PDB file of N, CA and C in Angstrom:
ATOM      1  N   MET A   1       5.596 -37.850  25.690  1.00  0.00           N
ATOM      2  CA  MET A   1       4.779 -38.127  24.533  1.00  0.00           C
ATOM      3  C   MET A   1       4.754 -36.910  23.623  1.00  0.00           C
ATOM      4  N   SER A   2       4.687 -37.198  22.370  1.00  0.00           N
ATOM      5  CA  SER A   2       4.667 -36.095  21.427  1.00  0.00           C
ATOM      6  C   SER A   2       3.265 -35.505  21.333  1.00  0.00           C
ATOM      7  N   LYS A   3       3.230 -34.273  20.897  1.00  0.00           N
ATOM      8  CA  LYS A   3       1.958 -33.559  20.774  1.00  0.00           C
ATOM      9  C   LYS A   3       1.042 -34.226  19.746  1.00  0.00           C
ATOM     10  N   ARG A   4       1.626 -34.744  18.694  1.00  0.00           N
ATOM     11  CA  ARG A   4       0.845 -35.384  17.634  1.00  0.00           C
ATOM     12  C   ARG A   4       0.164 -36.655  18.142  1.00  0.00           C
ATOM     13  N   LEU A   5       0.861 -37.438  18.941  1.00  0.00           N
ATOM     14  CA  LEU A   5       0.300 -38.669  19.492  1.00  0.00           C
ATOM     15  C   LEU A   5      -0.857 -38.363  20.440  1.00  0.00           C
ATOM     16  N   VAL A   6      -0.707 -37.341  21.261  1.00  0.00           N
ATOM     17  CA  VAL A   6      -1.759 -36.960  22.195  1.00  0.00           C
ATOM     18  C   VAL A   6      -3.000 -36.507  21.443  1.00  0.00           C
ATOM     19  N   LEU A   7      -2.825 -35.707  20.401  1.00  0.00           N
ATOM     20  CA  LEU A   7      -3.962 -35.254  19.604  1.00  0.00           C
ATOM     21  C   LEU A   7      -4.649 -36.414  18.889  1.00  0.00           C
ATOM     22  N   THR A   8      -3.878 -37.367  18.397  1.00  0.00           N
ATOM     23  CA  THR A   8      -4.453 -38.531  17.716  1.00  0.00           C
ATOM     24  C   THR A   8      -5.267 -39.375  18.683  1.00  0.00           C
ATOM     25  N   VAL A   9      -4.730 -39.625  19.867  1.00  0.00           N
ATOM     26  CA  VAL A   9      -5.448 -40.426  20.862  1.00  0.00           C
ATOM     27  C   VAL A   9      -6.709 -39.694  21.327  1.00  0.00           C
ATOM     28  N   ALA A  10      -6.635 -38.384  21.504  1.00  0.00           N
ATOM     29  CA  ALA A  10      -7.802 -37.610  21.917  1.00  0.00           C
ATOM     30  C   ALA A  10      -8.876 -37.629  20.832  1.00  0.00           C
ATOM     31  N   ALA A  11      -8.495 -37.494  19.576  1.00  0.00           N
ATOM     32  CA  ALA A  11      -9.458 -37.524  18.474  1.00  0.00           C
ATOM     33  C   ALA A  11     -10.112 -38.899  18.356  1.00  0.00           C
ATOM     34  N   GLU A  12      -9.337 -39.959  18.480  1.00  0.00           N
ATOM     35  CA  GLU A  12      -9.896 -41.312  18.419  1.00  0.00           C
ATOM     36  C   GLU A  12     -10.846 -41.560  19.588  1.00  0.00           C
ATOM     37  N   GLY A  13     -10.504 -41.089  20.766  1.00  0.00           N
ATOM     38  CA  GLY A  13     -11.385 -41.230  21.921  1.00  0.00           C
ATOM     39  C   GLY A  13     -12.694 -40.490  21.720  1.00  0.00           C
ATOM     40  N   PHE A  14     -12.627 -39.283  21.171  1.00  0.00           N
ATOM     41  CA  PHE A  14     -13.825 -38.502  20.896  1.00  0.00           C
ATOM     42  C   PHE A  14     -14.718 -39.218  19.889  1.00  0.00           C
ATOM     43  N   ILE A  15     -14.130 -39.767  18.840  1.00  0.00           N
ATOM     44  CA  ILE A  15     -14.898 -40.468  17.813  1.00  0.00           C
ATOM     45  C   ILE A  15     -15.570 -41.704  18.399  1.00  0.00           C
ATOM     46  N   ILE A  16     -14.869 -42.445  19.238  1.00  0.00           N
ATOM     47  CA  ILE A  16     -15.445 -43.648  19.847  1.00  0.00           C
ATOM     48  C   ILE A  16     -16.597 -43.287  20.776  1.00  0.00           C
ATOM     49  N   ILE A  17     -16.426 -42.269  21.596  1.00  0.00           N
ATOM     50  CA  ILE A  17     -17.487 -41.857  22.520  1.00  0.00           C
ATOM     51  C   ILE A  17     -18.688 -41.315  21.753  1.00  0.00           C
ATOM     52  N   PHE A  18     -18.447 -40.480  20.748  1.00  0.00           N
ATOM     53  CA  PHE A  18     -19.538 -39.935  19.935  1.00  0.00           C
ATOM     54  C   PHE A  18     -20.288 -41.045  19.212  1.00  0.00           C
ATOM     55  N   GLY A  19     -19.571 -42.014  18.660  1.00  0.00           N
ATOM     56  CA  GLY A  19     -20.206 -43.134  17.971  1.00  0.00           C
ATOM     57  C   GLY A  19     -21.047 -43.983  18.910  1.00  0.00           C
ATOM     58  N   ALA A  20     -20.545 -44.213  20.119  1.00  0.00           N
ATOM     59  CA  ALA A  20     -21.307 -44.996  21.092  1.00  0.00           C
ATOM     60  C   ALA A  20     -22.587 -44.268  21.492  1.00  0.00           C
ATOM     61  N   LEU A  21     -22.498 -42.971  21.721  1.00  0.00           N
ATOM     62  CA  LEU A  21     -23.691 -42.195  22.067  1.00  0.00           C
ATOM     63  C   LEU A  21     -24.689 -42.164  20.918  1.00  0.00           C
ATOM     64  N   LEU A  22     -24.194 -42.087  19.704  1.00  0.00           N
ATOM     65  CA  LEU A  22     -25.075 -42.099  18.534  1.00  0.00           C
ATOM     66  C   LEU A  22     -25.786 -43.438  18.404  1.00  0.00           C
ATOM     67  N   LEU A  23     -25.078 -44.540  18.612  1.00  0.00           N
ATOM     68  CA  LEU A  23     -25.698 -45.849  18.522  1.00  0.00           C
ATOM     69  C   LEU A  23     -26.726 -46.076  19.624  1.00  0.00           C
ATOM     70  N   LEU A  24     -26.465 -45.568  20.813  1.00  0.00           N
ATOM     71  CA  LEU A  24     -27.390 -45.756  21.921  1.00  0.00           C
ATOM     72  C   LEU A  24     -28.655 -44.915  21.781  1.00  0.00           C
ATOM     73  N   ASN A  25     -28.558 -43.749  21.147  1.00  0.00           N
ATOM     74  CA  ASN A  25     -29.677 -42.812  21.089  1.00  0.00           C
ATOM     75  C   ASN A  25     -30.164 -42.547  19.675  1.00  0.00           C
ATOM     76  N   TRP A  26     -29.943 -43.464  18.746  1.00  0.00           N
ATOM     77  CA  TRP A  26     -30.277 -43.182  17.353  1.00  0.00           C
ATOM     78  C   TRP A  26     -31.770 -42.981  17.154  1.00  0.00           C
ATOM     79  N   GLU A  27     -32.608 -43.707  17.884  1.00  0.00           N
ATOM     80  CA  GLU A  27     -34.046 -43.605  17.651  1.00  0.00           C
ATOM     81  C   GLU A  27     -34.590 -42.265  18.141  1.00  0.00           C
ATOM     82  N   ARG A  28     -34.054 -41.762  19.249  1.00  0.00           N
ATOM     83  CA  ARG A  28     -34.487 -40.444  19.732  1.00  0.00           C
ATOM     84  C   ARG A  28     -33.997 -39.328  18.827  1.00  0.00           C
ATOM     85  N   MET A  29     -32.841 -39.519  18.201  1.00  0.00           N
ATOM     86  CA  MET A  29     -32.278 -38.481  17.342  1.00  0.00           C
ATOM     87  C   MET A  29     -32.943 -38.452  15.971  1.00  0.00           C
ATOM     88  N   PHE A  30     -33.221 -39.612  15.407  1.00  0.00           N
ATOM     89  CA  PHE A  30     -33.749 -39.678  14.056  1.00  0.00           C
ATOM     90  C   PHE A  30     -35.236 -39.991  13.996  1.00  0.00           C
ATOM     91  N   GLY A  31     -35.846 -40.292  15.107  1.00  0.00           N
ATOM     92  CA  GLY A  31     -37.266 -40.629  15.114  1.00  0.00           C
ATOM     93  C   GLY A  31     -37.495 -42.050  14.653  1.00  0.00           C
ATOM     94  N   ASP A  32     -38.712 -42.323  14.226  1.00  0.00           N
ATOM     95  CA  ASP A  32     -39.070 -43.676  13.811  1.00  0.00           C
ATOM     96  C   ASP A  32     -38.595 -44.009  12.408  1.00  0.00           C
ATOM     97  N   TYR A  33     -38.343 -43.006  11.599  1.00  0.00           N
ATOM     98  CA  TYR A  33     -37.985 -43.257  10.210  1.00  0.00           C
ATOM     99  C   TYR A  33     -36.485 -43.374  10.049  1.00  0.00           C
ATOM    100  N   ARG A  34     -36.082 -44.208   9.135  1.00  0.00           N
ATOM    101  CA  ARG A  34     -34.668 -44.397   8.840  1.00  0.00           C
ATOM    102  C   ARG A  34     -34.255 -43.311   7.856  1.00  0.00           C
ATOM    103  N   PRO A  35     -33.324 -42.451   8.247  1.00  0.00           N
ATOM    104  CA  PRO A  35     -33.006 -41.291   7.411  1.00  0.00           C
ATOM    105  C   PRO A  35     -32.394 -41.647   6.059  1.00  0.00           C
ATOM    106  N   VAL A  36     -31.603 -42.707   5.980  1.00  0.00           N
ATOM    107  CA  VAL A  36     -30.980 -43.066   4.704  1.00  0.00           C
ATOM    108  C   VAL A  36     -32.036 -43.571   3.725  1.00  0.00           C
ATOM    109  N   GLN A  37     -32.945 -44.414   4.199  1.00  0.00           N
ATOM    110  CA  GLN A  37     -33.998 -44.912   3.322  1.00  0.00           C
ATOM    111  C   GLN A  37     -34.945 -43.795   2.895  1.00  0.00           C
ATOM    112  N   THR A  38     -35.237 -42.882   3.803  1.00  0.00           N
ATOM    113  CA  THR A  38     -36.109 -41.760   3.457  1.00  0.00           C
ATOM    114  C   THR A  38     -35.438 -40.865   2.419  1.00  0.00           C
ATOM    115  N   ALA A  39     -34.156 -40.593   2.599  1.00  0.00           N
ATOM    116  CA  ALA A  39     -33.429 -39.772   1.627  1.00  0.00           C
ATOM    117  C   ALA A  39     -33.363 -40.456   0.270  1.00  0.00           C
ATOM    118  N   THR A  40     -33.190 -41.763   0.256  1.00  0.00           N
ATOM    119  CA  THR A  40     -33.167 -42.505  -1.009  1.00  0.00           C
ATOM    120  C   THR A  40     -34.516 -42.427  -1.711  1.00  0.00           C
ATOM    121  N   ALA A  41     -35.590 -42.545  -0.941  1.00  0.00           N
ATOM    122  CA  ALA A  41     -36.931 -42.456  -1.544  1.00  0.00           C
ATOM    123  C   ALA A  41     -37.193 -41.063  -2.107  1.00  0.00           C
ATOM    124  N   VAL A  42     -36.787 -40.035  -1.391  1.00  0.00           N
ATOM    125  CA  VAL A  42     -36.969 -38.665  -1.874  1.00  0.00           C
ATOM    126  C   VAL A  42     -36.142 -38.443  -3.131  1.00  0.00           C
ATOM    127  N   PHE A  43     -34.928 -38.982  -3.169  1.00  0.00           N
ATOM    128  CA  PHE A  43     -34.080 -38.859  -4.358  1.00  0.00           C
ATOM    129  C   PHE A  43     -34.740 -39.528  -5.562  1.00  0.00           C
ATOM    130  N   LYS A  44     -35.332 -40.709  -5.337  1.00  0.00           N
ATOM    131  CA  LYS A  44     -36.006 -41.404  -6.433  1.00  0.00           C
ATOM    132  C   LYS A  44     -37.194 -40.598  -6.951  1.00  0.00           C
ATOM    133  N   LEU A  45     -37.886 -39.900  -6.056  1.00  0.00           N
ATOM    134  CA  LEU A  45     -39.031 -39.101  -6.483  1.00  0.00           C
ATOM    135  C   LEU A  45     -38.597 -37.841  -7.213  1.00  0.00           C
ATOM    136  N   GLU A  46     -37.626 -37.145  -6.668  1.00  0.00           N
ATOM    137  CA  GLU A  46     -37.230 -35.849  -7.222  1.00  0.00           C
ATOM    138  C   GLU A  46     -36.358 -35.983  -8.463  1.00  0.00           C
ATOM    139  N   VAL A  47     -35.368 -36.847  -8.426  1.00  0.00           N
ATOM    140  CA  VAL A  47     -34.407 -36.944  -9.534  1.00  0.00           C
ATOM    141  C   VAL A  47     -34.800 -38.054 -10.502  1.00  0.00           C
ATOM    142  N   GLY A  48     -35.248 -39.158  -9.965  1.00  0.00           N
ATOM    143  CA  GLY A  48     -35.616 -40.297 -10.807  1.00  0.00           C
ATOM    144  C   GLY A  48     -36.946 -40.080 -11.486  1.00  0.00           C
ATOM    145  N   SER A  49     -37.357 -41.081 -12.230  1.00  0.00           N
ATOM    146  CA  SER A  49     -38.607 -40.969 -12.985  1.00  0.00           C
ATOM    147  C   SER A  49     -39.759 -41.679 -12.289  1.00  0.00           C
ATOM    148  N   GLN A  50     -39.590 -42.046 -11.019  1.00  0.00           N
ATOM    149  CA  GLN A  50     -40.650 -42.735 -10.307  1.00  0.00           C
ATOM    150  C   GLN A  50     -41.672 -41.753  -9.751  1.00  0.00           C
ATOM    151  N   ASP A  51     -42.920 -42.172  -9.702  1.00  0.00           N
ATOM    152  CA  ASP A  51     -43.969 -41.364  -9.091  1.00  0.00           C
ATOM    153  C   ASP A  51     -44.302 -41.836  -7.684  1.00  0.00           C
ATOM    154  N   VAL A  52     -43.919 -43.081  -7.357  1.00  0.00           N
ATOM    155  CA  VAL A  52     -44.166 -43.657  -6.028  1.00  0.00           C
ATOM    156  C   VAL A  52     -42.883 -44.334  -5.562  1.00  0.00           C
ATOM    157  N   ALA A  53     -42.493 -44.088  -4.307  1.00  0.00           N
ATOM    158  CA  ALA A  53     -41.308 -44.724  -3.738  1.00  0.00           C
ATOM    159  C   ALA A  53     -41.692 -45.411  -2.436  1.00  0.00           C
ATOM    160  N   LYS A  54     -41.105 -46.574  -2.196  1.00  0.00           N
ATOM    161  CA  LYS A  54     -41.382 -47.335  -0.974  1.00  0.00           C
ATOM    162  C   LYS A  54     -40.272 -47.084   0.038  1.00  0.00           C
ATOM    163  N   THR A  55     -40.640 -47.049   1.309  1.00  0.00           N
ATOM    164  CA  THR A  55     -39.675 -46.941   2.400  1.00  0.00           C
ATOM    165  C   THR A  55     -40.254 -47.633   3.625  1.00  0.00           C
ATOM    166  N   THR A  56     -39.408 -47.969   4.587  1.00  0.00           N
ATOM    167  CA  THR A  56     -39.875 -48.613   5.815  1.00  0.00           C
ATOM    168  C   THR A  56     -39.403 -47.810   7.014  1.00  0.00           C
ATOM    169  N   ASP A  57     -40.119 -47.957   8.132  1.00  0.00           N
ATOM    170  CA  ASP A  57     -39.693 -47.304   9.362  1.00  0.00           C
ATOM    171  C   ASP A  57     -38.941 -48.304  10.236  1.00  0.00           C
ATOM    172  N   SER A  58     -38.656 -47.938  11.483  1.00  0.00           N
ATOM    173  CA  SER A  58     -37.862 -48.793  12.352  1.00  0.00           C
ATOM    174  C   SER A  58     -38.579 -50.081  12.746  1.00  0.00           C
ATOM    175  N   ASP A  59     -39.893 -50.141  12.597  1.00  0.00           N
ATOM    176  CA  ASP A  59     -40.653 -51.357  12.874  1.00  0.00           C
ATOM    177  C   ASP A  59     -40.894 -52.183  11.621  1.00  0.00           C
ATOM    178  N   ASP A  60     -40.222 -51.844  10.532  1.00  0.00           N
ATOM    179  CA  ASP A  60     -40.350 -52.494   9.223  1.00  0.00           C
ATOM    180  C   ASP A  60     -41.754 -52.401   8.645  1.00  0.00           C
ATOM    181  N   ALA A  61     -42.481 -51.369   9.019  1.00  0.00           N
ATOM    182  CA  ALA A  61     -43.784 -51.102   8.405  1.00  0.00           C
ATOM    183  C   ALA A  61     -43.527 -50.396   7.072  1.00  0.00           C
ATOM    184  N   LEU A  62     -44.221 -50.816   6.049  1.00  0.00           N
ATOM    185  CA  LEU A  62     -44.015 -50.280   4.710  1.00  0.00           C
ATOM    186  C   LEU A  62     -44.776 -48.971   4.537  1.00  0.00           C
ATOM    187  N   HIS A  63     -44.090 -47.954   4.021  1.00  0.00           N
ATOM    188  CA  HIS A  63     -44.699 -46.656   3.746  1.00  0.00           C
ATOM    189  C   HIS A  63     -44.427 -46.308   2.289  1.00  0.00           C
ATOM    190  N   TYR A  64     -45.334 -45.532   1.726  1.00  0.00           N
ATOM    191  CA  TYR A  64     -45.174 -45.087   0.343  1.00  0.00           C
ATOM    192  C   TYR A  64     -45.065 -43.575   0.320  1.00  0.00           C
ATOM    193  N   MET A  65     -44.169 -43.081  -0.514  1.00  0.00           N
ATOM    194  CA  MET A  65     -44.047 -41.637  -0.734  1.00  0.00           C
ATOM    195  C   MET A  65     -44.502 -41.374  -2.153  1.00  0.00           C
ATOM    196  N   VAL A  66     -45.342 -40.383  -2.323  1.00  0.00           N
ATOM    197  CA  VAL A  66     -45.910 -40.067  -3.633  1.00  0.00           C
ATOM    198  C   VAL A  66     -45.464 -38.668  -4.030  1.00  0.00           C
ATOM    199  N   LYS A  67     -45.087 -38.532  -5.294  1.00  0.00           N
ATOM    200  CA  LYS A  67     -44.677 -37.234  -5.810  1.00  0.00           C
ATOM    201  C   LYS A  67     -45.907 -36.335  -5.925  1.00  0.00           C
ATOM    202  N   LYS A  68     -45.786 -35.115  -5.405  1.00  0.00           N
ATOM    203  CA  LYS A  68     -46.892 -34.159  -5.445  1.00  0.00           C
ATOM    204  C   LYS A  68     -46.532 -33.056  -6.433  1.00  0.00           C
ATOM    205  N   ASP A  69     -47.302 -32.913  -7.474  1.00  0.00           N
ATOM    206  CA  ASP A  69     -47.062 -31.853  -8.454  1.00  0.00           C
ATOM    207  C   ASP A  69     -47.706 -30.564  -7.980  1.00  0.00           C
ATOM    208  N   ILE A  70     -46.934 -29.514  -8.021  1.00  0.00           N
ATOM    209  CA  ILE A  70     -47.442 -28.207  -7.581  1.00  0.00           C
ATOM    210  C   ILE A  70     -47.628 -27.324  -8.792  1.00  0.00           C
TER     211      ILE A  70
END
């Protein structure tokens, strides 16, 4: 087998194992909040013109983020 094929198979195996571990343990790693939705809400507050942004947690409970002026 060529060196390139071995490296490709090893990289694909690593990605599959890492992805499986991430899917199995996502709640312990990221907590109750969904990181993409939280980042989107923060972006809307900081960059956008909104003063209040809505987001949900893993139980689909609705949370509001409010811009705080310092």
